[in-house]
Amino acid sequence: MLAEYWPVLLFIGVAAGLGLVLLAIGLLAGPRRPEAEKLSPYECGFEAFEDARMRFDVRYYLLAILFIIFDLEIAFLFPWAVVFQQIGMVALIEMALFLLLLVVGFAYVWKKGALEWE
């Protein structure tokens, strides 16, 4: 039974070995010229102006959660579309209900103003 896992273990071993070899080559052959500018934190093209632990507006988190929720529908739609011919009419109705629920949720979020940015 362990012989069946041999190709997987070999692949993991080769990938780990290659990764370590490439890291070692980069460390040995790469230039090392630390400067104050290279070691300073970088924030989207401008100087860091506050502590990294500053508070963010809750709208950032709300928008991120909404993006994840509405983006996950695509993760459910692709496998469904691939096997659509085999699963039949019942699956079509179920997916229509799923998408209707998402549209209702999107309308609710839009009506509440969660997508508005001041």
PDB file of N, CA and C in Angstrom:
ATOM      1  N   MET A   1       0.823  -1.185   0.000  1.00  0.00           N
ATOM      2  CA  MET A   1       0.000   0.000   0.000  1.00  0.00           C
ATOM      3  C   MET A   1       0.879   1.266   0.000  1.00  0.00           C
ATOM      4  N   LEU A   2       1.987   1.233   0.686  1.00  0.00           N
ATOM      5  CA  LEU A   2       2.877   2.390   0.720  1.00  0.00           C
ATOM      6  C   LEU A   2       3.488   2.663  -0.654  1.00  0.00           C
ATOM      7  N   ALA A   3       3.585   1.649  -1.470  1.00  0.00           N
ATOM      8  CA  ALA A   3       4.150   1.819  -2.809  1.00  0.00           C
ATOM      9  C   ALA A   3       3.265   2.714  -3.685  1.00  0.00           C
ATOM     10  N   GLU A   4       1.980   2.784  -3.386  1.00  0.00           N
ATOM     11  CA  GLU A   4       1.080   3.632  -4.159  1.00  0.00           C
ATOM     12  C   GLU A   4       1.356   5.116  -3.915  1.00  0.00           C
ATOM     13  N   TYR A   5       1.903   5.430  -2.754  1.00  0.00           N
ATOM     14  CA  TYR A   5       2.202   6.819  -2.420  1.00  0.00           C
ATOM     15  C   TYR A   5       3.598   7.245  -2.862  1.00  0.00           C
ATOM     16  N   TRP A   6       4.378   6.348  -3.411  1.00  0.00           N
ATOM     17  CA  TRP A   6       5.740   6.651  -3.801  1.00  0.00           C
ATOM     18  C   TRP A   6       5.829   7.820  -4.789  1.00  0.00           C
ATOM     19  N   PRO A   7       5.017   7.899  -5.842  1.00  0.00           N
ATOM     20  CA  PRO A   7       5.122   9.052  -6.749  1.00  0.00           C
ATOM     21  C   PRO A   7       4.812  10.384  -6.054  1.00  0.00           C
ATOM     22  N   VAL A   8       3.848  10.382  -5.149  1.00  0.00           N
ATOM     23  CA  VAL A   8       3.499  11.610  -4.435  1.00  0.00           C
ATOM     24  C   VAL A   8       4.650  12.031  -3.524  1.00  0.00           C
ATOM     25  N   LEU A   9       5.207  11.077  -2.795  1.00  0.00           N
ATOM     26  CA  LEU A   9       6.333  11.381  -1.913  1.00  0.00           C
ATOM     27  C   LEU A   9       7.548  11.832  -2.705  1.00  0.00           C
ATOM     28  N   LEU A  10       7.777  11.216  -3.846  1.00  0.00           N
ATOM     29  CA  LEU A  10       8.886  11.629  -4.703  1.00  0.00           C
ATOM     30  C   LEU A  10       8.686  13.059  -5.208  1.00  0.00           C
ATOM     31  N   PHE A  11       7.475  13.379  -5.610  1.00  0.00           N
ATOM     32  CA  PHE A  11       7.161  14.723  -6.083  1.00  0.00           C
ATOM     33  C   PHE A  11       7.377  15.757  -4.975  1.00  0.00           C
ATOM     34  N   ILE A  12       6.900  15.460  -3.774  1.00  0.00           N
ATOM     35  CA  ILE A  12       7.085  16.376  -2.642  1.00  0.00           C
ATOM     36  C   ILE A  12       8.561  16.541  -2.321  1.00  0.00           C
ATOM     37  N   GLY A  13       9.301  15.450  -2.347  1.00  0.00           N
ATOM     38  CA  GLY A  13      10.728  15.517  -2.058  1.00  0.00           C
ATOM     39  C   GLY A  13      11.496  16.331  -3.092  1.00  0.00           C
ATOM     40  N   VAL A  14      11.195  16.109  -4.367  1.00  0.00           N
ATOM     41  CA  VAL A  14      11.872  16.858  -5.427  1.00  0.00           C
ATOM     42  C   VAL A  14      11.501  18.340  -5.338  1.00  0.00           C
ATOM     43  N   ALA A  15      10.241  18.655  -5.086  1.00  0.00           N
ATOM     44  CA  ALA A  15       9.807  20.051  -4.988  1.00  0.00           C
ATOM     45  C   ALA A  15      10.477  20.736  -3.802  1.00  0.00           C
ATOM     46  N   ALA A  16      10.529  20.074  -2.651  1.00  0.00           N
ATOM     47  CA  ALA A  16      11.180  20.659  -1.473  1.00  0.00           C
ATOM     48  C   ALA A  16      12.677  20.828  -1.721  1.00  0.00           C
ATOM     49  N   GLY A  17      13.308  19.822  -2.309  1.00  0.00           N
ATOM     50  CA  GLY A  17      14.739  19.918  -2.603  1.00  0.00           C
ATOM     51  C   GLY A  17      15.048  21.042  -3.577  1.00  0.00           C
ATOM     52  N   LEU A  18      14.248  21.165  -4.626  1.00  0.00           N
ATOM     53  CA  LEU A  18      14.451  22.228  -5.601  1.00  0.00           C
ATOM     54  C   LEU A  18      14.256  23.597  -4.951  1.00  0.00           C
ATOM     55  N   GLY A  19      13.243  23.718  -4.118  1.00  0.00           N
ATOM     56  CA  GLY A  19      13.010  24.983  -3.423  1.00  0.00           C
ATOM     57  C   GLY A  19      14.179  25.366  -2.529  1.00  0.00           C
ATOM     58  N   LEU A  20      14.706  24.404  -1.782  1.00  0.00           N
ATOM     59  CA  LEU A  20      15.855  24.681  -0.917  1.00  0.00           C
ATOM     60  C   LEU A  20      17.105  25.037  -1.713  1.00  0.00           C
ATOM     61  N   VAL A  21      17.324  24.333  -2.820  1.00  0.00           N
ATOM     62  CA  VAL A  21      18.488  24.640  -3.664  1.00  0.00           C
ATOM     63  C   VAL A  21      18.380  26.047  -4.235  1.00  0.00           C
ATOM     64  N   LEU A  22      17.212  26.433  -4.717  1.00  0.00           N
ATOM     65  CA  LEU A  22      17.040  27.770  -5.279  1.00  0.00           C
ATOM     66  C   LEU A  22      17.196  28.857  -4.219  1.00  0.00           C
ATOM     67  N   LEU A  23      16.697  28.621  -3.017  1.00  0.00           N
ATOM     68  CA  LEU A  23      16.892  29.577  -1.931  1.00  0.00           C
ATOM     69  C   LEU A  23      18.371  29.721  -1.586  1.00  0.00           C
ATOM     70  N   ALA A  24      19.075  28.592  -1.531  1.00  0.00           N
ATOM     71  CA  ALA A  24      20.506  28.635  -1.207  1.00  0.00           C
ATOM     72  C   ALA A  24      21.287  29.382  -2.286  1.00  0.00           C
ATOM     73  N   ILE A  25      20.963  29.152  -3.549  1.00  0.00           N
ATOM     74  CA  ILE A  25      21.642  29.866  -4.634  1.00  0.00           C
ATOM     75  C   ILE A  25      21.388  31.369  -4.524  1.00  0.00           C
ATOM     76  N   GLY A  26      20.163  31.741  -4.217  1.00  0.00           N
ATOM     77  CA  GLY A  26      19.851  33.162  -4.063  1.00  0.00           C
ATOM     78  C   GLY A  26      20.599  33.799  -2.903  1.00  0.00           C
ATOM     79  N   LEU A  27      20.709  33.065  -1.801  1.00  0.00           N
ATOM     80  CA  LEU A  27      21.441  33.599  -0.649  1.00  0.00           C
ATOM     81  C   LEU A  27      22.936  33.706  -0.916  1.00  0.00           C
ATOM     82  N   LEU A  28      23.483  32.724  -1.620  1.00  0.00           N
ATOM     83  CA  LEU A  28      24.922  32.725  -1.868  1.00  0.00           C
ATOM     84  C   LEU A  28      25.332  33.667  -2.996  1.00  0.00           C
ATOM     85  N   ALA A  29      24.564  33.745  -4.048  1.00  0.00           N
ATOM     86  CA  ALA A  29      24.965  34.511  -5.223  1.00  0.00           C
ATOM     87  C   ALA A  29      24.367  35.916  -5.265  1.00  0.00           C
ATOM     88  N   GLY A  30      23.351  36.176  -4.469  1.00  0.00           N
ATOM     89  CA  GLY A  30      22.687  37.474  -4.522  1.00  0.00           C
ATOM     90  C   GLY A  30      23.471  38.576  -3.846  1.00  0.00           C
ATOM     91  N   PRO A  31      23.287  39.811  -4.318  1.00  0.00           N
ATOM     92  CA  PRO A  31      23.989  40.938  -3.697  1.00  0.00           C
ATOM     93  C   PRO A  31      23.376  41.272  -2.340  1.00  0.00           C
ATOM     94  N   ARG A  32      24.234  41.711  -1.432  1.00  0.00           N
ATOM     95  CA  ARG A  32      23.777  42.127  -0.105  1.00  0.00           C
ATOM     96  C   ARG A  32      24.253  43.547   0.141  1.00  0.00           C
ATOM     97  N   ARG A  33      23.377  44.504  -0.088  1.00  0.00           N
ATOM     98  CA  ARG A  33      23.689  45.903   0.166  1.00  0.00           C
ATOM     99  C   ARG A  33      22.560  46.533   0.957  1.00  0.00           C
ATOM    100  N   PRO A  34      22.481  46.239   2.244  1.00  0.00           N
ATOM    101  CA  PRO A  34      21.376  46.818   3.034  1.00  0.00           C
ATOM    102  C   PRO A  34      21.542  48.328   3.184  1.00  0.00           C
ATOM    103  N   GLU A  35      20.512  49.052   2.894  1.00  0.00           N
ATOM    104  CA  GLU A  35      20.477  50.492   3.055  1.00  0.00           C
ATOM    105  C   GLU A  35      19.260  50.856   3.886  1.00  0.00           C
ATOM    106  N   ALA A  36      19.248  52.045   4.416  1.00  0.00           N
ATOM    107  CA  ALA A  36      18.113  52.482   5.235  1.00  0.00           C
ATOM    108  C   ALA A  36      16.825  52.505   4.418  1.00  0.00           C
ATOM    109  N   GLU A  37      16.917  52.908   3.165  1.00  0.00           N
ATOM    110  CA  GLU A  37      15.726  52.976   2.323  1.00  0.00           C
ATOM    111  C   GLU A  37      15.185  51.585   1.994  1.00  0.00           C
ATOM    112  N   LYS A  38      16.079  50.627   1.781  1.00  0.00           N
ATOM    113  CA  LYS A  38      15.637  49.261   1.491  1.00  0.00           C
ATOM    114  C   LYS A  38      15.021  48.597   2.711  1.00  0.00           C
ATOM    115  N   LEU A  39      15.475  48.940   3.881  1.00  0.00           N
ATOM    116  CA  LEU A  39      14.987  48.309   5.095  1.00  0.00           C
ATOM    117  C   LEU A  39      13.757  49.001   5.671  1.00  0.00           C
ATOM    118  N   SER A  40      13.358  50.124   5.104  1.00  0.00           N
ATOM    119  CA  SER A  40      12.193  50.854   5.624  1.00  0.00           C
ATOM    120  C   SER A  40      10.900  50.207   5.123  1.00  0.00           C
ATOM    121  N   PRO A  41       9.812  50.346   5.884  1.00  0.00           N
ATOM    122  CA  PRO A  41       8.530  49.784   5.441  1.00  0.00           C
ATOM    123  C   PRO A  41       7.996  50.537   4.224  1.00  0.00           C
ATOM    124  N   TYR A  42       7.299  49.822   3.373  1.00  0.00           N
ATOM    125  CA  TYR A  42       6.771  50.384   2.128  1.00  0.00           C
ATOM    126  C   TYR A  42       5.258  50.274   2.145  1.00  0.00           C
ATOM    127  N   GLU A  43       4.564  51.376   1.893  1.00  0.00           N
ATOM    128  CA  GLU A  43       3.106  51.378   1.887  1.00  0.00           C
ATOM    129  C   GLU A  43       2.593  52.036   0.624  1.00  0.00           C
ATOM    130  N   CYS A  44       2.337  51.292  -0.375  1.00  0.00           N
ATOM    131  CA  CYS A  44       1.646  51.745  -1.583  1.00  0.00           C
ATOM    132  C   CYS A  44       2.264  52.986  -2.213  1.00  0.00           C
ATOM    133  N   GLY A  45       3.560  53.110  -2.215  1.00  0.00           N
ATOM    134  CA  GLY A  45       4.202  54.197  -2.911  1.00  0.00           C
ATOM    135  C   GLY A  45       4.432  55.457  -2.108  1.00  0.00           C
ATOM    136  N   PHE A  46       4.003  55.500  -0.855  1.00  0.00           N
ATOM    137  CA  PHE A  46       4.281  56.682  -0.045  1.00  0.00           C
ATOM    138  C   PHE A  46       4.833  56.254   1.303  1.00  0.00           C
ATOM    139  N   GLU A  47       5.427  57.196   1.993  1.00  0.00           N
ATOM    140  CA  GLU A  47       6.050  56.893   3.281  1.00  0.00           C
ATOM    141  C   GLU A  47       5.012  56.450   4.298  1.00  0.00           C
ATOM    142  N   ALA A  48       5.399  55.517   5.128  1.00  0.00           N
ATOM    143  CA  ALA A  48       4.509  55.075   6.204  1.00  0.00           C
ATOM    144  C   ALA A  48       4.329  56.231   7.181  1.00  0.00           C
ATOM    145  N   PHE A  49       3.082  56.548   7.499  1.00  0.00           N
ATOM    146  CA  PHE A  49       2.837  57.725   8.326  1.00  0.00           C
ATOM    147  C   PHE A  49       2.269  57.388   9.695  1.00  0.00           C
ATOM    148  N   GLU A  50       1.862  56.156   9.919  1.00  0.00           N
ATOM    149  CA  GLU A  50       1.315  55.797  11.227  1.00  0.00           C
ATOM    150  C   GLU A  50       1.779  54.406  11.599  1.00  0.00           C
ATOM    151  N   ASP A  51       1.414  54.020  12.783  1.00  0.00           N
ATOM    152  CA  ASP A  51       1.742  52.698  13.287  1.00  0.00           C
ATOM    153  C   ASP A  51       0.984  51.639  12.485  1.00  0.00           C
ATOM    154  N   ALA A  52       1.546  50.474  12.377  1.00  0.00           N
ATOM    155  CA  ALA A  52       0.902  49.390  11.629  1.00  0.00           C
ATOM    156  C   ALA A  52      -0.360  48.898  12.331  1.00  0.00           C
ATOM    157  N   ARG A  53      -0.514  49.218  13.597  1.00  0.00           N
ATOM    158  CA  ARG A  53      -1.684  48.765  14.347  1.00  0.00           C
ATOM    159  C   ARG A  53      -2.780  49.816  14.435  1.00  0.00           C
ATOM    160  N   MET A  54      -2.792  50.754  13.485  1.00  0.00           N
ATOM    161  CA  MET A  54      -3.831  51.774  13.520  1.00  0.00           C
ATOM    162  C   MET A  54      -5.178  51.155  13.183  1.00  0.00           C
ATOM    163  N   ARG A  55      -6.228  51.817  13.615  1.00  0.00           N
ATOM    164  CA  ARG A  55      -7.578  51.303  13.398  1.00  0.00           C
ATOM    165  C   ARG A  55      -8.034  51.591  11.972  1.00  0.00           C
ATOM    166  N   PHE A  56      -8.723  50.627  11.401  1.00  0.00           N
ATOM    167  CA  PHE A  56      -9.313  50.783  10.080  1.00  0.00           C
ATOM    168  C   PHE A  56     -10.817  50.959  10.235  1.00  0.00           C
ATOM    169  N   ASP A  57     -11.386  51.632   9.285  1.00  0.00           N
ATOM    170  CA  ASP A  57     -12.827  51.793   9.272  1.00  0.00           C
ATOM    171  C   ASP A  57     -13.473  50.433   9.026  1.00  0.00           C
ATOM    172  N   VAL A  58     -14.591  50.185   9.651  1.00  0.00           N
ATOM    173  CA  VAL A  58     -15.261  48.895   9.530  1.00  0.00           C
ATOM    174  C   VAL A  58     -15.739  48.652   8.099  1.00  0.00           C
ATOM    175  N   ARG A  59     -15.856  49.703   7.294  1.00  0.00           N
ATOM    176  CA  ARG A  59     -16.305  49.534   5.905  1.00  0.00           C
ATOM    177  C   ARG A  59     -15.329  48.702   5.083  1.00  0.00           C
ATOM    178  N   TYR A  60     -14.030  48.780   5.415  1.00  0.00           N
ATOM    179  CA  TYR A  60     -13.058  47.943   4.703  1.00  0.00           C
ATOM    180  C   TYR A  60     -13.387  46.465   4.918  1.00  0.00           C
ATOM    181  N   TYR A  61     -13.640  46.108   6.162  1.00  0.00           N
ATOM    182  CA  TYR A  61     -13.949  44.710   6.482  1.00  0.00           C
ATOM    183  C   TYR A  61     -15.293  44.299   5.894  1.00  0.00           C
ATOM    184  N   LEU A  62     -16.268  45.179   5.963  1.00  0.00           N
ATOM    185  CA  LEU A  62     -17.585  44.875   5.411  1.00  0.00           C
ATOM    186  C   LEU A  62     -17.504  44.646   3.904  1.00  0.00           C
ATOM    187  N   LEU A  63     -16.774  45.509   3.228  1.00  0.00           N
ATOM    188  CA  LEU A  63     -16.633  45.351   1.783  1.00  0.00           C
ATOM    189  C   LEU A  63     -15.878  44.070   1.435  1.00  0.00           C
ATOM    190  N   ALA A  64     -14.869  43.726   2.230  1.00  0.00           N
ATOM    191  CA  ALA A  64     -14.128  42.490   1.986  1.00  0.00           C
ATOM    192  C   ALA A  64     -15.024  41.270   2.184  1.00  0.00           C
ATOM    193  N   ILE A  65     -15.827  41.275   3.225  1.00  0.00           N
ATOM    194  CA  ILE A  65     -16.735  40.143   3.477  1.00  0.00           C
ATOM    195  C   ILE A  65     -17.771  40.035   2.361  1.00  0.00           C
ATOM    196  N   LEU A  66     -18.301  41.166   1.929  1.00  0.00           N
ATOM    197  CA  LEU A  66     -19.275  41.135   0.832  1.00  0.00           C
ATOM    198  C   LEU A  66     -18.650  40.620  -0.451  1.00  0.00           C
ATOM    199  N   PHE A  67     -17.406  41.030  -0.715  1.00  0.00           N
ATOM    200  CA  PHE A  67     -16.720  40.527  -1.902  1.00  0.00           C
ATOM    201  C   PHE A  67     -16.573  39.011  -1.829  1.00  0.00           C
ATOM    202  N   ILE A  68     -16.174  38.504  -0.677  1.00  0.00           N
ATOM    203  CA  ILE A  68     -15.987  37.059  -0.534  1.00  0.00           C
ATOM    204  C   ILE A  68     -17.305  36.330  -0.729  1.00  0.00           C
ATOM    205  N   ILE A  69     -18.359  36.850  -0.138  1.00  0.00           N
ATOM    206  CA  ILE A  69     -19.668  36.186  -0.255  1.00  0.00           C
ATOM    207  C   ILE A  69     -20.117  36.119  -1.715  1.00  0.00           C
ATOM    208  N   PHE A  70     -20.045  37.247  -2.415  1.00  0.00           N
ATOM    209  CA  PHE A  70     -20.546  37.264  -3.784  1.00  0.00           C
ATOM    210  C   PHE A  70     -19.547  36.671  -4.767  1.00  0.00           C
ATOM    211  N   ASP A  71     -18.302  36.567  -4.385  1.00  0.00           N
ATOM    212  CA  ASP A  71     -17.319  35.919  -5.241  1.00  0.00           C
ATOM    213  C   ASP A  71     -17.423  34.402  -5.137  1.00  0.00           C
ATOM    214  N   LEU A  72     -17.864  33.905  -3.999  1.00  0.00           N
ATOM    215  CA  LEU A  72     -17.988  32.455  -3.830  1.00  0.00           C
ATOM    216  C   LEU A  72     -19.087  31.849  -4.695  1.00  0.00           C
ATOM    217  N   GLU A  73     -20.018  32.669  -5.126  1.00  0.00           N
ATOM    218  CA  GLU A  73     -21.049  32.104  -6.001  1.00  0.00           C
ATOM    219  C   GLU A  73     -20.434  31.582  -7.287  1.00  0.00           C
ATOM    220  N   ILE A  74     -19.380  32.204  -7.758  1.00  0.00           N
ATOM    221  CA  ILE A  74     -18.700  31.721  -8.957  1.00  0.00           C
ATOM    222  C   ILE A  74     -18.065  30.362  -8.687  1.00  0.00           C
ATOM    223  N   ALA A  75     -17.554  30.170  -7.469  1.00  0.00           N
ATOM    224  CA  ALA A  75     -16.960  28.880  -7.121  1.00  0.00           C
ATOM    225  C   ALA A  75     -18.007  27.776  -7.148  1.00  0.00           C
ATOM    226  N   PHE A  76     -19.268  28.109  -6.907  1.00  0.00           N
ATOM    227  CA  PHE A  76     -20.331  27.117  -6.987  1.00  0.00           C
ATOM    228  C   PHE A  76     -20.870  26.974  -8.409  1.00  0.00           C
ATOM    229  N   LEU A  77     -20.769  28.020  -9.197  1.00  0.00           N
ATOM    230  CA  LEU A  77     -21.324  27.968 -10.550  1.00  0.00           C
ATOM    231  C   LEU A  77     -20.465  27.173 -11.530  1.00  0.00           C
ATOM    232  N   PHE A  78     -19.159  27.246 -11.420  1.00  0.00           N
ATOM    233  CA  PHE A  78     -18.296  26.543 -12.378  1.00  0.00           C
ATOM    234  C   PHE A  78     -18.481  25.027 -12.343  1.00  0.00           C
ATOM    235  N   PRO A  79     -18.399  24.370 -11.186  1.00  0.00           N
ATOM    236  CA  PRO A  79     -18.612  22.910 -11.200  1.00  0.00           C
ATOM    237  C   PRO A  79     -20.023  22.538 -11.651  1.00  0.00           C
ATOM    238  N   TRP A  80     -20.983  23.365 -11.282  1.00  0.00           N
ATOM    239  CA  TRP A  80     -22.358  23.097 -11.692  1.00  0.00           C
ATOM    240  C   TRP A  80     -22.486  23.177 -13.210  1.00  0.00           C
ATOM    241  N   ALA A  81     -21.850  24.166 -13.818  1.00  0.00           N
ATOM    242  CA  ALA A  81     -21.934  24.327 -15.271  1.00  0.00           C
ATOM    243  C   ALA A  81     -21.233  23.194 -16.003  1.00  0.00           C
ATOM    244  N   VAL A  82     -20.182  22.649 -15.406  1.00  0.00           N
ATOM    245  CA  VAL A  82     -19.438  21.573 -16.059  1.00  0.00           C
ATOM    246  C   VAL A  82     -20.287  20.305 -16.154  1.00  0.00           C
ATOM    247  N   VAL A  83     -21.051  20.013 -15.128  1.00  0.00           N
ATOM    248  CA  VAL A  83     -21.837  18.770 -15.117  1.00  0.00           C
ATOM    249  C   VAL A  83     -23.327  19.026 -15.350  1.00  0.00           C
ATOM    250  N   PHE A  84     -23.655  20.153 -15.931  1.00  0.00           N
ATOM    251  CA  PHE A  84     -25.063  20.510 -16.105  1.00  0.00           C
ATOM    252  C   PHE A  84     -25.845  19.489 -16.911  1.00  0.00           C
ATOM    253  N   GLN A  85     -25.254  18.923 -17.952  1.00  0.00           N
ATOM    254  CA  GLN A  85     -25.965  17.957 -18.790  1.00  0.00           C
ATOM    255  C   GLN A  85     -26.341  16.695 -18.019  1.00  0.00           C
ATOM    256  N   GLN A  86     -25.532  16.296 -17.049  1.00  0.00           N
ATOM    257  CA  GLN A  86     -25.790  15.050 -16.323  1.00  0.00           C
ATOM    258  C   GLN A  86     -26.757  15.231 -15.143  1.00  0.00           C
ATOM    259  N   ILE A  87     -26.881  16.438 -14.602  1.00  0.00           N
ATOM    260  CA  ILE A  87     -27.651  16.572 -13.357  1.00  0.00           C
ATOM    261  C   ILE A  87     -29.106  16.939 -13.568  1.00  0.00           C
ATOM    262  N   GLY A  88     -29.465  17.453 -14.704  1.00  0.00           N
ATOM    263  CA  GLY A  88     -30.866  17.594 -15.057  1.00  0.00           C
ATOM    264  C   GLY A  88     -31.573  18.840 -14.548  1.00  0.00           C
ATOM    265  N   MET A  89     -32.910  18.783 -14.637  1.00  0.00           N
ATOM    266  CA  MET A  89     -33.770  19.927 -14.364  1.00  0.00           C
ATOM    267  C   MET A  89     -33.827  20.291 -12.881  1.00  0.00           C
ATOM    268  N   VAL A  90     -33.729  19.319 -12.011  1.00  0.00           N
ATOM    269  CA  VAL A  90     -33.784  19.593 -10.567  1.00  0.00           C
ATOM    270  C   VAL A  90     -32.617  20.486 -10.167  1.00  0.00           C
ATOM    271  N   ALA A  91     -31.456  20.208 -10.699  1.00  0.00           N
ATOM    272  CA  ALA A  91     -30.283  21.026 -10.385  1.00  0.00           C
ATOM    273  C   ALA A  91     -30.429  22.431 -10.962  1.00  0.00           C
ATOM    274  N   LEU A  92     -31.094  22.562 -12.105  1.00  0.00           N
ATOM    275  CA  LEU A  92     -31.328  23.888 -12.686  1.00  0.00           C
ATOM    276  C   LEU A  92     -32.222  24.714 -11.762  1.00  0.00           C
ATOM    277  N   ILE A  93     -33.245  24.097 -11.234  1.00  0.00           N
ATOM    278  CA  ILE A  93     -34.141  24.809 -10.308  1.00  0.00           C
ATOM    279  C   ILE A  93     -33.410  25.166  -9.022  1.00  0.00           C
ATOM    280  N   GLU A  94     -32.606  24.247  -8.509  1.00  0.00           N
ATOM    281  CA  GLU A  94     -31.841  24.536  -7.288  1.00  0.00           C
ATOM    282  C   GLU A  94     -30.862  25.683  -7.498  1.00  0.00           C
ATOM    283  N   MET A  95     -30.198  25.705  -8.647  1.00  0.00           N
ATOM    284  CA  MET A  95     -29.252  26.791  -8.914  1.00  0.00           C
ATOM    285  C   MET A  95     -29.992  28.105  -9.110  1.00  0.00           C
ATOM    286  N   ALA A  96     -31.162  28.066  -9.725  1.00  0.00           N
ATOM    287  CA  ALA A  96     -31.953  29.283  -9.884  1.00  0.00           C
ATOM    288  C   ALA A  96     -32.358  29.835  -8.520  1.00  0.00           C
ATOM    289  N   LEU A  97     -32.733  28.961  -7.593  1.00  0.00           N
ATOM    290  CA  LEU A  97     -33.071  29.409  -6.234  1.00  0.00           C
ATOM    291  C   LEU A  97     -31.842  29.970  -5.519  1.00  0.00           C
ATOM    292  N   PHE A  98     -30.708  29.339  -5.710  1.00  0.00           N
ATOM    293  CA  PHE A  98     -29.463  29.822  -5.107  1.00  0.00           C
ATOM    294  C   PHE A  98     -29.120  31.214  -5.623  1.00  0.00           C
ATOM    295  N   LEU A  99     -29.207  31.405  -6.935  1.00  0.00           N
ATOM    296  CA  LEU A  99     -28.906  32.713  -7.515  1.00  0.00           C
ATOM    297  C   LEU A  99     -29.948  33.750  -7.125  1.00  0.00           C
ATOM    298  N   LEU A 100     -31.206  33.357  -7.007  1.00  0.00           N
ATOM    299  CA  LEU A 100     -32.248  34.270  -6.546  1.00  0.00           C
ATOM    300  C   LEU A 100     -31.957  34.736  -5.124  1.00  0.00           C
ATOM    301  N   LEU A 101     -31.537  33.810  -4.274  1.00  0.00           N
ATOM    302  CA  LEU A 101     -31.174  34.175  -2.905  1.00  0.00           C
ATOM    303  C   LEU A 101     -29.994  35.148  -2.889  1.00  0.00           C
ATOM    304  N   LEU A 102     -29.019  34.943  -3.746  1.00  0.00           N
ATOM    305  CA  LEU A 102     -27.888  35.864  -3.829  1.00  0.00           C
ATOM    306  C   LEU A 102     -28.314  37.234  -4.347  1.00  0.00           C
ATOM    307  N   VAL A 103     -29.205  37.264  -5.306  1.00  0.00           N
ATOM    308  CA  VAL A 103     -29.688  38.546  -5.829  1.00  0.00           C
ATOM    309  C   VAL A 103     -30.475  39.290  -4.757  1.00  0.00           C
ATOM    310  N   VAL A 104     -31.286  38.579  -3.991  1.00  0.00           N
ATOM    311  CA  VAL A 104     -32.027  39.209  -2.891  1.00  0.00           C
ATOM    312  C   VAL A 104     -31.047  39.761  -1.847  1.00  0.00           C
ATOM    313  N   GLY A 105     -30.013  38.990  -1.530  1.00  0.00           N
ATOM    314  CA  GLY A 105     -29.001  39.460  -0.590  1.00  0.00           C
ATOM    315  C   GLY A 105     -28.259  40.673  -1.127  1.00  0.00           C
ATOM    316  N   PHE A 106     -27.939  40.659  -2.396  1.00  0.00           N
ATOM    317  CA  PHE A 106     -27.263  41.806  -3.014  1.00  0.00           C
ATOM    318  C   PHE A 106     -28.154  43.039  -2.993  1.00  0.00           C
ATOM    319  N   ALA A 107     -29.436  42.873  -3.299  1.00  0.00           N
ATOM    320  CA  ALA A 107     -30.370  43.997  -3.265  1.00  0.00           C
ATOM    321  C   ALA A 107     -30.489  44.562  -1.851  1.00  0.00           C
ATOM    322  N   TYR A 108     -30.521  43.686  -0.859  1.00  0.00           N
ATOM    323  CA  TYR A 108     -30.597  44.121   0.541  1.00  0.00           C
ATOM    324  C   TYR A 108     -29.363  44.934   0.922  1.00  0.00           C
ATOM    325  N   VAL A 109     -28.190  44.438   0.548  1.00  0.00           N
ATOM    326  CA  VAL A 109     -26.943  45.134   0.863  1.00  0.00           C
ATOM    327  C   VAL A 109     -26.906  46.484   0.150  1.00  0.00           C
ATOM    328  N   TRP A 110     -27.352  46.515  -1.091  1.00  0.00           N
ATOM    329  CA  TRP A 110     -27.360  47.756  -1.853  1.00  0.00           C
ATOM    330  C   TRP A 110     -28.328  48.763  -1.233  1.00  0.00           C
ATOM    331  N   LYS A 111     -29.534  48.288  -0.846  1.00  0.00           N
ATOM    332  CA  LYS A 111     -30.544  49.163  -0.257  1.00  0.00           C
ATOM    333  C   LYS A 111     -30.081  49.726   1.078  1.00  0.00           C
ATOM    334  N   LYS A 112     -29.369  48.931   1.864  1.00  0.00           N
ATOM    335  CA  LYS A 112     -28.858  49.392   3.153  1.00  0.00           C
ATOM    336  C   LYS A 112     -27.697  50.379   3.005  1.00  0.00           C
ATOM    337  N   GLY A 113     -27.131  50.489   1.806  1.00  0.00           N
ATOM    338  CA  GLY A 113     -26.054  51.433   1.569  1.00  0.00           C
ATOM    339  C   GLY A 113     -24.685  50.906   1.923  1.00  0.00           C
ATOM    340  N   ALA A 114     -24.535  49.594   2.046  1.00  0.00           N
ATOM    341  CA  ALA A 114     -23.238  49.025   2.430  1.00  0.00           C
ATOM    342  C   ALA A 114     -22.217  49.152   1.316  1.00  0.00           C
ATOM    343  N   LEU A 115     -22.658  49.378   0.092  1.00  0.00           N
ATOM    344  CA  LEU A 115     -21.730  49.524  -1.021  1.00  0.00           C
ATOM    345  C   LEU A 115     -21.372  50.976  -1.301  1.00  0.00           C
ATOM    346  N   GLU A 116     -21.990  51.886  -0.586  1.00  0.00           N
ATOM    347  CA  GLU A 116     -21.707  53.312  -0.760  1.00  0.00           C
ATOM    348  C   GLU A 116     -20.420  53.672  -0.028  1.00  0.00           C
ATOM    349  N   TRP A 117     -19.636  54.536  -0.655  1.00  0.00           N
ATOM    350  CA  TRP A 117     -18.380  54.983  -0.049  1.00  0.00           C
ATOM    351  C   TRP A 117     -18.401  56.496   0.008  1.00  0.00           C
ATOM    352  N   GLU A 118     -18.231  57.041   1.200  1.00  0.00           N
ATOM    353  CA  GLU A 118     -18.298  58.493   1.356  1.00  0.00           C
ATOM    354  C   GLU A 118     -16.976  59.133   1.121  1.00  0.00           C
TER     355      GLU A 118
END
